[in-house]
Amino acid sequence: MAPAAHRAELCPSHPDSLSPATVMLDPDTANPLLILSGDRKRVRWEPTRQRLPDNPERFDTRPCVLGREGFTSGRHCWEVEVGDGPCWAVGVAKESVSRKGEISLSPEGGFWAVERWGVQFRAFTFPETRLPLSPPHRIRVCLDCDRGQVTFIDAGTEAPIFTFPPGSLPGERIRPWLWVGWKSQLSLCP
């Protein structure tokens, strides 16, 4: 069995083979505590739940939202501006991830991400992997569907943050995923 996590190696090793993805947020999946911008590029947490239909795609207990796009092959990257918000997570989720009730925010639950929780910065592993650097203001997510791997890079400094090892992701559709907590706002770039 592959180790639960690896420190990131610079991504991409072959920049020409990466496809910059234009990612938009899927309002049908957004938890009612999340407010999406009209262009579906920004999301923020609000303390008052919106009155939204409880469709099967919508996260009902965790303040999560999926990207509209899904990927099954190739190499793709996108960036998320996380700013100074105190609670957020950025990553990917498998298409079939559970969206109702208590969900496990872990690779076993179908989520591969890095998270800021107050002063802690960590990767979704079990046991958790604390990351030695300060949370950046902008994160590049590099998804390699063919290898089943996702890497996170500090988009400002190009410093590696974390890599989930090859074979970590299942062979099904993978979608961008954001978790937005208290007083936080995330923006997809550009």
C-alpha atoms as a PDB file:
ATOM      1  CA  MET A   1       0.000   0.000   0.000  1.00  0.00           C
ATOM      2  CA  ALA A   2       1.278   3.468  -0.885  1.00  0.00           C
ATOM      3  CA  PRO A   3       2.133   5.803   1.996  1.00  0.00           C
ATOM      4  CA  ALA A   4      -0.702   8.127   3.025  1.00  0.00           C
ATOM      5  CA  ALA A   5       1.100  11.257   1.901  1.00  0.00           C
ATOM      6  CA  HIS A   6       4.243  12.650   0.370  1.00  0.00           C
ATOM      7  CA  ARG A   7       5.804  16.072   0.539  1.00  0.00           C
ATOM      8  CA  ALA A   8       5.121  17.937  -2.687  1.00  0.00           C
ATOM      9  CA  GLU A   9       7.536  17.883  -5.540  1.00  0.00           C
ATOM     10  CA  LEU A  10       7.443  20.870  -7.848  1.00  0.00           C
ATOM     11  CA  CYS A  11       4.400  20.680 -10.038  1.00  0.00           C
ATOM     12  CA  PRO A  12       4.177  20.532 -12.886  1.00  0.00           C
ATOM     13  CA  SER A  13       7.331  18.687 -13.885  1.00  0.00           C
ATOM     14  CA  HIS A  14       6.264  19.072 -17.518  1.00  0.00           C
ATOM     15  CA  PRO A  15       4.367  22.383 -17.705  1.00  0.00           C
ATOM     16  CA  ASP A  16       3.525  21.940 -21.382  1.00  0.00           C
ATOM     17  CA  SER A  17       1.382  18.897 -20.592  1.00  0.00           C
ATOM     18  CA  LEU A  18      -0.817  20.724 -18.069  1.00  0.00           C
ATOM     19  CA  SER A  19      -4.131  22.147 -19.203  1.00  0.00           C
ATOM     20  CA  PRO A  20      -5.091  25.324 -17.336  1.00  0.00           C
ATOM     21  CA  ALA A  21      -8.693  24.677 -16.329  1.00  0.00           C
ATOM     22  CA  THR A  22     -11.359  27.350 -16.246  1.00  0.00           C
ATOM     23  CA  VAL A  23     -13.250  26.391 -13.121  1.00  0.00           C
ATOM     24  CA  MET A  24     -16.669  27.707 -12.106  1.00  0.00           C
ATOM     25  CA  LEU A  25     -18.608  26.769  -8.985  1.00  0.00           C
ATOM     26  CA  ASP A  26     -21.723  24.622  -9.213  1.00  0.00           C
ATOM     27  CA  PRO A  27     -24.596  26.366  -7.359  1.00  0.00           C
ATOM     28  CA  ASP A  28     -26.589  23.106  -7.228  1.00  0.00           C
ATOM     29  CA  THR A  29     -23.945  21.654  -4.869  1.00  0.00           C
ATOM     30  CA  ALA A  30     -23.430  24.702  -2.601  1.00  0.00           C
ATOM     31  CA  ASN A  31     -24.356  24.391   1.055  1.00  0.00           C
ATOM     32  CA  PRO A  32     -27.033  26.951   2.066  1.00  0.00           C
ATOM     33  CA  LEU A  33     -24.496  28.824   4.243  1.00  0.00           C
ATOM     34  CA  LEU A  34     -22.465  29.686   1.131  1.00  0.00           C
ATOM     35  CA  ILE A  35     -23.067  32.702  -1.106  1.00  0.00           C
ATOM     36  CA  LEU A  36     -21.781  32.386  -4.686  1.00  0.00           C
ATOM     37  CA  SER A  37     -20.995  35.408  -6.846  1.00  0.00           C
ATOM     38  CA  GLY A  38     -22.946  35.950 -10.072  1.00  0.00           C
ATOM     39  CA  ASP A  39     -19.973  34.811 -12.164  1.00  0.00           C
ATOM     40  CA  ARG A  40     -19.623  31.672  -9.990  1.00  0.00           C
ATOM     41  CA  LYS A  41     -15.960  32.424  -9.308  1.00  0.00           C
ATOM     42  CA  ARG A  42     -16.206  33.532  -5.647  1.00  0.00           C
ATOM     43  CA  VAL A  43     -17.792  32.000  -2.586  1.00  0.00           C
ATOM     44  CA  ARG A  44     -18.140  33.279   0.961  1.00  0.00           C
ATOM     45  CA  TRP A  45     -19.567  31.936   4.207  1.00  0.00           C
ATOM     46  CA  GLU A  46     -22.600  33.654   5.765  1.00  0.00           C
ATOM     47  CA  PRO A  47     -24.102  32.849   9.182  1.00  0.00           C
ATOM     48  CA  THR A  48     -27.686  32.760   7.872  1.00  0.00           C
ATOM     49  CA  ARG A  49     -28.820  29.763   5.818  1.00  0.00           C
ATOM     50  CA  GLN A  50     -30.374  30.568   2.458  1.00  0.00           C
ATOM     51  CA  ARG A  51     -33.654  28.954   1.483  1.00  0.00           C
ATOM     52  CA  LEU A  52     -32.504  26.613  -1.277  1.00  0.00           C
ATOM     53  CA  PRO A  53     -33.984  23.387  -2.645  1.00  0.00           C
ATOM     54  CA  ASP A  54     -32.598  20.285  -0.910  1.00  0.00           C
ATOM     55  CA  ASN A  55     -31.644  18.599  -4.166  1.00  0.00           C
ATOM     56  CA  PRO A  56     -29.513  15.397  -4.069  1.00  0.00           C
ATOM     57  CA  GLU A  57     -26.397  17.248  -5.317  1.00  0.00           C
ATOM     58  CA  ARG A  58     -26.351  19.811  -2.487  1.00  0.00           C
ATOM     59  CA  PHE A  59     -24.074  19.511   0.566  1.00  0.00           C
ATOM     60  CA  ASP A  60     -26.435  19.838   3.502  1.00  0.00           C
ATOM     61  CA  THR A  61     -24.275  19.805   6.658  1.00  0.00           C
ATOM     62  CA  ARG A  62     -20.799  20.997   5.640  1.00  0.00           C
ATOM     63  CA  PRO A  63     -20.181  24.396   3.961  1.00  0.00           C
ATOM     64  CA  CYS A  64     -18.833  22.857   0.742  1.00  0.00           C
ATOM     65  CA  VAL A  65     -19.243  23.457  -2.969  1.00  0.00           C
ATOM     66  CA  LEU A  66     -17.984  21.580  -6.032  1.00  0.00           C
ATOM     67  CA  GLY A  67     -16.667  22.980  -9.268  1.00  0.00           C
ATOM     68  CA  ARG A  68     -19.000  22.535 -12.218  1.00  0.00           C
ATOM     69  CA  GLU A  69     -16.236  20.887 -14.249  1.00  0.00           C
ATOM     70  CA  GLY A  70     -15.199  17.280 -13.789  1.00  0.00           C
ATOM     71  CA  PHE A  71     -12.066  15.541 -15.048  1.00  0.00           C
ATOM     72  CA  THR A  72     -11.449  11.892 -15.902  1.00  0.00           C
ATOM     73  CA  SER A  73      -8.162  12.087 -17.821  1.00  0.00           C
ATOM     74  CA  GLY A  74      -5.259  14.398 -18.509  1.00  0.00           C
ATOM     75  CA  ARG A  75      -3.462  16.934 -16.339  1.00  0.00           C
ATOM     76  CA  HIS A  76      -5.232  20.100 -15.207  1.00  0.00           C
ATOM     77  CA  CYS A  77      -4.470  23.034 -12.937  1.00  0.00           C
ATOM     78  CA  TRP A  78      -6.336  25.981 -11.451  1.00  0.00           C
ATOM     79  CA  GLU A  79      -5.698  28.540  -8.745  1.00  0.00           C
ATOM     80  CA  VAL A  80      -7.700  29.579  -5.707  1.00  0.00           C
ATOM     81  CA  GLU A  81      -7.169  32.825  -3.827  1.00  0.00           C
ATOM     82  CA  VAL A  82      -7.713  32.048  -0.150  1.00  0.00           C
ATOM     83  CA  GLY A  83      -6.738  35.422   1.330  1.00  0.00           C
ATOM     84  CA  ASP A  84      -6.559  35.738   5.108  1.00  0.00           C
ATOM     85  CA  GLY A  85      -9.715  33.821   6.015  1.00  0.00           C
ATOM     86  CA  PRO A  86      -9.294  31.708   9.158  1.00  0.00           C
ATOM     87  CA  CYS A  87     -11.084  28.507   8.038  1.00  0.00           C
ATOM     88  CA  TRP A  88     -11.053  26.967   4.564  1.00  0.00           C
ATOM     89  CA  ALA A  89      -9.995  23.957   2.521  1.00  0.00           C
ATOM     90  CA  VAL A  90      -9.023  23.676  -1.151  1.00  0.00           C
ATOM     91  CA  GLY A  91      -8.782  20.484  -3.163  1.00  0.00           C
ATOM     92  CA  VAL A  92     -10.658  17.906  -5.189  1.00  0.00           C
ATOM     93  CA  ALA A  93     -13.428  15.398  -4.572  1.00  0.00           C
ATOM     94  CA  LYS A  94     -14.688  12.385  -6.443  1.00  0.00           C
ATOM     95  CA  GLU A  95     -17.975  12.913  -8.263  1.00  0.00           C
ATOM     96  CA  SER A  96     -19.791  10.299  -6.160  1.00  0.00           C
ATOM     97  CA  VAL A  97     -18.798  11.831  -2.797  1.00  0.00           C
ATOM     98  CA  SER A  98     -21.467  11.772  -0.088  1.00  0.00           C
ATOM     99  CA  ARG A  99     -23.167  15.147   0.285  1.00  0.00           C
ATOM    100  CA  LYS A 100     -25.802  14.464   2.944  1.00  0.00           C
ATOM    101  CA  GLY A 101     -25.369  14.139   6.705  1.00  0.00           C
ATOM    102  CA  GLU A 102     -21.984  13.728   8.344  1.00  0.00           C
ATOM    103  CA  ILE A 103     -19.250  13.235   5.778  1.00  0.00           C
ATOM    104  CA  SER A 104     -15.621  12.284   6.272  1.00  0.00           C
ATOM    105  CA  LEU A 105     -13.343  15.015   4.926  1.00  0.00           C
ATOM    106  CA  SER A 106     -10.523  12.619   4.057  1.00  0.00           C
ATOM    107  CA  PRO A 107      -9.261  10.570   1.115  1.00  0.00           C
ATOM    108  CA  GLU A 108     -11.327   7.651   2.466  1.00  0.00           C
ATOM    109  CA  GLY A 109     -14.388   9.917   2.224  1.00  0.00           C
ATOM    110  CA  GLY A 110     -13.443  11.004  -1.317  1.00  0.00           C
ATOM    111  CA  PHE A 111     -11.693  14.334  -0.542  1.00  0.00           C
ATOM    112  CA  TRP A 112      -8.048  15.277  -1.210  1.00  0.00           C
ATOM    113  CA  ALA A 113      -7.264  18.756   0.089  1.00  0.00           C
ATOM    114  CA  VAL A 114      -5.194  21.127   2.190  1.00  0.00           C
ATOM    115  CA  GLU A 115      -6.883  23.027   4.988  1.00  0.00           C
ATOM    116  CA  ARG A 116      -6.410  26.057   7.172  1.00  0.00           C
ATOM    117  CA  TRP A 117      -8.085  25.782  10.564  1.00  0.00           C
ATOM    118  CA  GLY A 118      -7.150  28.856  12.589  1.00  0.00           C
ATOM    119  CA  VAL A 119      -3.375  28.751  13.035  1.00  0.00           C
ATOM    120  CA  GLN A 120      -3.052  25.172  11.758  1.00  0.00           C
ATOM    121  CA  PHE A 121      -2.267  24.338   8.137  1.00  0.00           C
ATOM    122  CA  ARG A 122      -2.604  20.656   7.257  1.00  0.00           C
ATOM    123  CA  ALA A 123      -3.362  18.068   4.581  1.00  0.00           C
ATOM    124  CA  PHE A 124      -6.379  15.753   4.647  1.00  0.00           C
ATOM    125  CA  THR A 125      -4.588  12.559   5.664  1.00  0.00           C
ATOM    126  CA  PHE A 126      -5.025  10.122   8.533  1.00  0.00           C
ATOM    127  CA  PRO A 127      -3.346  10.799  10.780  1.00  0.00           C
ATOM    128  CA  GLU A 128      -3.331  14.451   9.717  1.00  0.00           C
ATOM    129  CA  THR A 129      -0.200  15.876   8.116  1.00  0.00           C
ATOM    130  CA  ARG A 130       0.717  19.258   9.534  1.00  0.00           C
ATOM    131  CA  LEU A 131       2.295  21.466   6.895  1.00  0.00           C
ATOM    132  CA  PRO A 132       5.435  23.337   7.994  1.00  0.00           C
ATOM    133  CA  LEU A 133       4.803  26.556   6.106  1.00  0.00           C
ATOM    134  CA  SER A 134       2.323  29.370   6.594  1.00  0.00           C
ATOM    135  CA  PRO A 135      -0.847  29.178   4.522  1.00  0.00           C
ATOM    136  CA  PRO A 136      -0.298  31.019   1.232  1.00  0.00           C
ATOM    137  CA  HIS A 137      -2.690  33.611  -0.196  1.00  0.00           C
ATOM    138  CA  ARG A 138      -3.105  31.724  -3.483  1.00  0.00           C
ATOM    139  CA  ILE A 139      -2.943  27.971  -4.063  1.00  0.00           C
ATOM    140  CA  ARG A 140      -2.430  26.176  -7.376  1.00  0.00           C
ATOM    141  CA  VAL A 141      -4.124  22.790  -7.573  1.00  0.00           C
ATOM    142  CA  CYS A 142      -2.473  20.387 -10.050  1.00  0.00           C
ATOM    143  CA  LEU A 143      -4.587  17.339 -10.878  1.00  0.00           C
ATOM    144  CA  ASP A 144      -3.068  14.436 -12.805  1.00  0.00           C
ATOM    145  CA  CYS A 145      -5.984  12.098 -13.525  1.00  0.00           C
ATOM    146  CA  ASP A 146      -3.852   9.583 -15.406  1.00  0.00           C
ATOM    147  CA  ARG A 147      -1.543   9.077 -12.405  1.00  0.00           C
ATOM    148  CA  GLY A 148      -4.311   9.523  -9.820  1.00  0.00           C
ATOM    149  CA  GLN A 149      -2.382  12.298  -8.083  1.00  0.00           C
ATOM    150  CA  VAL A 150      -3.024  15.832  -6.847  1.00  0.00           C
ATOM    151  CA  THR A 151      -0.393  18.406  -5.894  1.00  0.00           C
ATOM    152  CA  PHE A 152      -0.733  21.774  -4.169  1.00  0.00           C
ATOM    153  CA  ILE A 153       1.644  24.676  -4.858  1.00  0.00           C
ATOM    154  CA  ASP A 154       1.997  28.148  -3.352  1.00  0.00           C
ATOM    155  CA  ALA A 155       1.114  30.096  -6.514  1.00  0.00           C
ATOM    156  CA  GLY A 156       2.930  33.202  -5.277  1.00  0.00           C
ATOM    157  CA  THR A 157       6.321  31.621  -4.540  1.00  0.00           C
ATOM    158  CA  GLU A 158       6.020  28.345  -6.529  1.00  0.00           C
ATOM    159  CA  ALA A 159       6.930  26.525  -3.285  1.00  0.00           C
ATOM    160  CA  PRO A 160       5.537  22.995  -3.015  1.00  0.00           C
ATOM    161  CA  ILE A 161       2.888  22.546  -0.331  1.00  0.00           C
ATOM    162  CA  PHE A 162       1.828  18.893  -0.488  1.00  0.00           C
ATOM    163  CA  THR A 163       1.338  15.965  -2.891  1.00  0.00           C
ATOM    164  CA  PHE A 164      -0.980  13.024  -2.487  1.00  0.00           C
ATOM    165  CA  PRO A 165       0.946  10.083  -4.011  1.00  0.00           C
ATOM    166  CA  PRO A 166       0.222   8.503  -7.414  1.00  0.00           C
ATOM    167  CA  GLY A 167      -2.710   6.115  -7.277  1.00  0.00           C
ATOM    168  CA  SER A 168      -4.429   8.062  -4.481  1.00  0.00           C
ATOM    169  CA  LEU A 169      -7.376   9.188  -6.595  1.00  0.00           C
ATOM    170  CA  PRO A 170      -9.945   6.710  -7.918  1.00  0.00           C
ATOM    171  CA  GLY A 171     -10.523   6.162 -11.620  1.00  0.00           C
ATOM    172  CA  GLU A 172     -13.740   8.186 -11.651  1.00  0.00           C
ATOM    173  CA  ARG A 173     -14.666  11.791 -12.403  1.00  0.00           C
ATOM    174  CA  ILE A 174     -12.854  14.240 -10.116  1.00  0.00           C
ATOM    175  CA  ARG A 175     -14.178  17.744  -9.438  1.00  0.00           C
ATOM    176  CA  PRO A 176     -12.666  20.857  -7.840  1.00  0.00           C
ATOM    177  CA  TRP A 177     -13.871  21.212  -4.245  1.00  0.00           C
ATOM    178  CA  LEU A 178     -13.921  24.056  -1.703  1.00  0.00           C
ATOM    179  CA  TRP A 179     -14.850  24.138   1.978  1.00  0.00           C
ATOM    180  CA  VAL A 180     -15.512  27.674   3.248  1.00  0.00           C
ATOM    181  CA  GLY A 181     -15.666  28.319   6.969  1.00  0.00           C
ATOM    182  CA  TRP A 182     -16.349  31.188   9.331  1.00  0.00           C
ATOM    183  CA  LYS A 183     -15.380  34.659   7.992  1.00  0.00           C
ATOM    184  CA  SER A 184     -13.718  33.194   4.900  1.00  0.00           C
ATOM    185  CA  GLN A 185     -14.041  33.875   1.196  1.00  0.00           C
ATOM    186  CA  LEU A 186     -12.394  31.974  -1.669  1.00  0.00           C
ATOM    187  CA  SER A 187     -11.978  33.091  -5.287  1.00  0.00           C
ATOM    188  CA  LEU A 188     -11.149  31.056  -8.363  1.00  0.00           C
ATOM    189  CA  CYS A 189      -8.495  32.675 -10.526  1.00  0.00           C
ATOM    190  CA  PRO A 190      -8.619  34.240 -13.041  1.00  0.00           C
END
